[in-house]
Amino acid sequence: MVTILYRQRHGYDVRIYTKDHPPAHAHVWKGEKNLQIDLMTLEVSDNRGYNIREIKQIRNLVVNNRELLLNVWKTLHESGN
C-alpha cells in the first residue's frame, strides 16, 4: 500500500495498493470510512460509510489529482510490484 495523498482537504487519505487488481482505482480513507473509486470513470465500487456530499468531495479530489494517481498506479502495477 502506498498513501499518495495524505490528509488532503477534508481529511482524506488516498491510497493505492501494490498488489491490487485492475481496473486502475484508489482507496480513500477517513477514519473508519473507506471507499474504492475507479480512476477513469469515477465510479464508486465499494462504499463503507461516506454520504453523497463526501463522495462528491472525493470525486473532485480524484479529478484534481488524476494524472498523479494514474501515474502511480501504472508505476506500481506495470513494474510487477
N, C-alpha and C. Protein backbone atom coordinates (compact mmCIF):
# COMPACT_ATOMS: atom_id res chain seq x y z
N MET A 1 0.84 -1.17 0.00
CA MET A 1 0.00 0.00 0.00
C MET A 1 0.88 1.23 0.00
N VAL A 2 0.49 2.20 -0.80
CA VAL A 2 1.18 3.47 -0.84
C VAL A 2 0.13 4.56 -0.64
N THR A 3 0.35 5.41 0.35
CA THR A 3 -0.53 6.56 0.54
C THR A 3 -0.02 7.66 -0.37
N ILE A 4 -0.84 8.04 -1.35
CA ILE A 4 -0.43 9.02 -2.35
C ILE A 4 -0.75 10.43 -1.87
N LEU A 5 -1.94 10.61 -1.36
CA LEU A 5 -2.36 11.91 -0.85
C LEU A 5 -2.72 11.72 0.62
N TYR A 6 -2.05 12.43 1.50
CA TYR A 6 -2.22 12.25 2.94
C TYR A 6 -2.91 13.45 3.55
N ARG A 7 -4.00 13.19 4.24
CA ARG A 7 -4.76 14.22 4.96
C ARG A 7 -5.04 15.43 4.08
N GLN A 8 -5.59 15.14 2.91
CA GLN A 8 -5.95 16.20 1.98
C GLN A 8 -7.13 16.99 2.53
N ARG A 9 -7.56 17.96 1.78
CA ARG A 9 -8.72 18.77 2.17
C ARG A 9 -9.83 17.83 2.64
N HIS A 10 -10.45 18.16 3.71
CA HIS A 10 -11.49 17.36 4.35
C HIS A 10 -10.94 16.12 5.04
N GLY A 11 -9.61 15.95 5.09
CA GLY A 11 -9.01 14.88 5.85
C GLY A 11 -8.92 13.52 5.18
N TYR A 12 -9.02 13.46 3.87
CA TYR A 12 -8.98 12.17 3.16
C TYR A 12 -7.55 11.71 2.90
N ASP A 13 -7.33 10.42 3.07
CA ASP A 13 -6.10 9.76 2.64
C ASP A 13 -6.44 8.96 1.38
N VAL A 14 -5.65 9.11 0.34
CA VAL A 14 -5.88 8.38 -0.91
C VAL A 14 -4.73 7.39 -1.06
N ARG A 15 -5.09 6.12 -1.17
CA ARG A 15 -4.10 5.04 -1.21
C ARG A 15 -4.28 4.19 -2.46
N ILE A 16 -3.16 3.67 -2.92
CA ILE A 16 -3.16 2.67 -4.00
C ILE A 16 -2.40 1.47 -3.46
N TYR A 17 -3.00 0.31 -3.55
CA TYR A 17 -2.38 -0.90 -3.04
C TYR A 17 -1.50 -1.53 -4.11
N THR A 18 -0.33 -1.98 -3.70
CA THR A 18 0.64 -2.52 -4.65
C THR A 18 0.22 -3.85 -5.25
N LYS A 19 -0.49 -4.67 -4.52
CA LYS A 19 -0.91 -5.99 -5.01
C LYS A 19 -2.40 -5.99 -5.31
N ASP A 20 -2.87 -4.99 -6.03
CA ASP A 20 -4.30 -4.85 -6.28
C ASP A 20 -4.65 -5.23 -7.71
N HIS A 21 -5.91 -5.33 -7.99
CA HIS A 21 -6.45 -5.79 -9.26
C HIS A 21 -6.87 -4.61 -10.14
N PRO A 22 -6.89 -4.81 -11.47
CA PRO A 22 -7.45 -3.80 -12.36
C PRO A 22 -8.97 -3.75 -12.18
N PRO A 23 -9.60 -2.70 -12.63
CA PRO A 23 -9.06 -1.52 -13.29
C PRO A 23 -8.36 -0.60 -12.30
N ALA A 24 -7.68 0.42 -12.85
CA ALA A 24 -6.97 1.38 -12.00
C ALA A 24 -7.95 2.05 -11.06
N HIS A 25 -7.65 1.98 -9.77
CA HIS A 25 -8.54 2.56 -8.78
C HIS A 25 -7.74 2.95 -7.54
N ALA A 26 -8.39 3.71 -6.69
CA ALA A 26 -7.76 4.13 -5.43
C ALA A 26 -8.74 3.84 -4.30
N HIS A 27 -8.18 3.76 -3.10
CA HIS A 27 -8.96 3.59 -1.89
C HIS A 27 -8.85 4.89 -1.10
N VAL A 28 -9.98 5.41 -0.66
CA VAL A 28 -9.99 6.67 0.06
C VAL A 28 -10.49 6.42 1.48
N TRP A 29 -9.67 6.82 2.44
CA TRP A 29 -9.95 6.59 3.86
C TRP A 29 -10.09 7.90 4.60
N LYS A 30 -10.95 7.89 5.59
CA LYS A 30 -11.06 8.96 6.57
C LYS A 30 -11.59 8.31 7.83
N GLY A 31 -10.73 8.13 8.80
CA GLY A 31 -11.13 7.39 10.00
C GLY A 31 -11.47 5.96 9.62
N GLU A 32 -12.66 5.52 10.00
CA GLU A 32 -13.12 4.17 9.67
C GLU A 32 -13.85 4.08 8.34
N LYS A 33 -14.14 5.22 7.72
CA LYS A 33 -14.83 5.24 6.43
C LYS A 33 -13.83 4.94 5.33
N ASN A 34 -14.29 4.22 4.30
CA ASN A 34 -13.44 3.98 3.14
C ASN A 34 -14.28 3.68 1.92
N LEU A 35 -13.70 3.97 0.77
CA LEU A 35 -14.35 3.60 -0.49
C LEU A 35 -13.30 3.32 -1.53
N GLN A 36 -13.74 2.67 -2.58
CA GLN A 36 -12.89 2.36 -3.73
C GLN A 36 -13.47 3.11 -4.92
N ILE A 37 -12.62 3.85 -5.63
CA ILE A 37 -13.09 4.65 -6.76
C ILE A 37 -12.23 4.38 -7.99
N ASP A 38 -12.88 4.15 -9.11
CA ASP A 38 -12.21 3.93 -10.39
C ASP A 38 -11.59 5.25 -10.84
N LEU A 39 -10.31 5.23 -11.20
CA LEU A 39 -9.62 6.45 -11.57
C LEU A 39 -10.01 6.99 -12.94
N MET A 40 -10.61 6.17 -13.77
CA MET A 40 -11.02 6.63 -15.10
C MET A 40 -12.49 7.06 -15.12
N THR A 41 -13.36 6.24 -14.58
CA THR A 41 -14.80 6.52 -14.67
C THR A 41 -15.35 7.28 -13.47
N LEU A 42 -14.59 7.30 -12.38
CA LEU A 42 -15.01 7.90 -11.11
C LEU A 42 -16.16 7.16 -10.45
N GLU A 43 -16.42 5.95 -10.92
CA GLU A 43 -17.46 5.12 -10.30
C GLU A 43 -16.96 4.58 -8.97
N VAL A 44 -17.84 4.61 -7.98
CA VAL A 44 -17.52 4.06 -6.67
C VAL A 44 -17.97 2.60 -6.67
N SER A 45 -17.03 1.69 -6.44
CA SER A 45 -17.38 0.28 -6.46
C SER A 45 -17.58 -0.30 -5.07
N ASP A 46 -17.14 0.41 -4.06
CA ASP A 46 -17.34 -0.05 -2.68
C ASP A 46 -17.35 1.18 -1.79
N ASN A 47 -18.39 1.34 -1.01
CA ASN A 47 -18.51 2.49 -0.12
C ASN A 47 -18.87 2.01 1.27
N ARG A 48 -18.05 2.37 2.21
CA ARG A 48 -18.30 1.99 3.60
C ARG A 48 -18.32 3.23 4.47
N GLY A 49 -19.47 3.91 4.44
CA GLY A 49 -19.70 4.99 5.38
C GLY A 49 -19.80 6.40 4.84
N TYR A 50 -19.43 6.64 3.60
CA TYR A 50 -19.49 8.00 3.08
C TYR A 50 -20.89 8.36 2.60
N ASN A 51 -21.28 9.63 2.81
CA ASN A 51 -22.56 10.11 2.29
C ASN A 51 -22.34 10.76 0.92
N ILE A 52 -23.41 11.18 0.28
CA ILE A 52 -23.36 11.73 -1.08
C ILE A 52 -22.46 12.96 -1.15
N ARG A 53 -22.53 13.84 -0.19
CA ARG A 53 -21.70 15.06 -0.18
C ARG A 53 -20.22 14.69 -0.12
N GLU A 54 -19.87 13.73 0.72
CA GLU A 54 -18.48 13.31 0.84
C GLU A 54 -17.99 12.64 -0.44
N ILE A 55 -18.84 11.84 -1.07
CA ILE A 55 -18.46 11.20 -2.33
C ILE A 55 -18.17 12.25 -3.40
N LYS A 56 -18.96 13.32 -3.42
CA LYS A 56 -18.71 14.40 -4.37
C LYS A 56 -17.35 15.04 -4.09
N GLN A 57 -17.02 15.27 -2.83
CA GLN A 57 -15.72 15.84 -2.46
C GLN A 57 -14.58 14.91 -2.90
N ILE A 58 -14.78 13.62 -2.70
CA ILE A 58 -13.76 12.63 -3.08
C ILE A 58 -13.58 12.61 -4.59
N ARG A 59 -14.67 12.64 -5.33
CA ARG A 59 -14.56 12.67 -6.80
C ARG A 59 -13.77 13.90 -7.25
N ASN A 60 -14.05 15.05 -6.65
CA ASN A 60 -13.31 16.26 -7.00
C ASN A 60 -11.83 16.11 -6.68
N LEU A 61 -11.51 15.52 -5.54
CA LEU A 61 -10.12 15.29 -5.16
C LEU A 61 -9.43 14.38 -6.17
N VAL A 62 -10.11 13.33 -6.58
CA VAL A 62 -9.53 12.40 -7.56
C VAL A 62 -9.35 13.09 -8.91
N VAL A 63 -10.34 13.84 -9.36
CA VAL A 63 -10.23 14.55 -10.64
C VAL A 63 -9.04 15.51 -10.61
N ASN A 64 -8.89 16.24 -9.52
CA ASN A 64 -7.81 17.22 -9.41
C ASN A 64 -6.43 16.59 -9.33
N ASN A 65 -6.37 15.30 -9.00
CA ASN A 65 -5.09 14.60 -8.85
C ASN A 65 -5.01 13.36 -9.74
N ARG A 66 -5.84 13.29 -10.75
CA ARG A 66 -5.96 12.08 -11.57
C ARG A 66 -4.65 11.71 -12.25
N GLU A 67 -3.95 12.67 -12.81
CA GLU A 67 -2.70 12.35 -13.51
C GLU A 67 -1.70 11.71 -12.54
N LEU A 68 -1.52 12.29 -11.38
CA LEU A 68 -0.62 11.73 -10.38
C LEU A 68 -1.05 10.32 -9.99
N LEU A 69 -2.33 10.14 -9.70
CA LEU A 69 -2.83 8.83 -9.27
C LEU A 69 -2.65 7.77 -10.35
N LEU A 70 -2.96 8.11 -11.59
CA LEU A 70 -2.78 7.15 -12.69
C LEU A 70 -1.30 6.81 -12.91
N ASN A 71 -0.44 7.81 -12.77
CA ASN A 71 1.00 7.54 -12.92
C ASN A 71 1.49 6.60 -11.83
N VAL A 72 1.04 6.80 -10.61
CA VAL A 72 1.43 5.91 -9.52
C VAL A 72 0.89 4.51 -9.76
N TRP A 73 -0.39 4.41 -10.17
CA TRP A 73 -0.98 3.10 -10.47
C TRP A 73 -0.13 2.36 -11.51
N LYS A 74 0.19 3.06 -12.61
CA LYS A 74 0.96 2.43 -13.69
C LYS A 74 2.35 2.01 -13.20
N THR A 75 2.99 2.85 -12.44
CA THR A 75 4.33 2.53 -11.93
C THR A 75 4.29 1.30 -11.03
N LEU A 76 3.33 1.23 -10.14
CA LEU A 76 3.24 0.11 -9.22
C LEU A 76 2.84 -1.19 -9.90
N HIS A 77 1.95 -1.11 -10.87
CA HIS A 77 1.39 -2.34 -11.44
C HIS A 77 2.09 -2.79 -12.72
N GLU A 78 2.70 -1.89 -13.44
CA GLU A 78 3.43 -2.31 -14.64
C GLU A 78 4.82 -2.84 -14.28
N SER A 79 5.32 -2.46 -13.10
CA SER A 79 6.64 -2.94 -12.70
C SER A 79 6.56 -4.31 -12.04
N GLY A 80 5.33 -4.78 -11.79
CA GLY A 80 5.16 -6.10 -11.19
C GLY A 80 5.28 -6.13 -9.69
N ASN A 81 5.28 -4.97 -9.04
CA ASN A 81 5.37 -4.91 -7.58
C ASN A 81 4.09 -5.36 -6.92
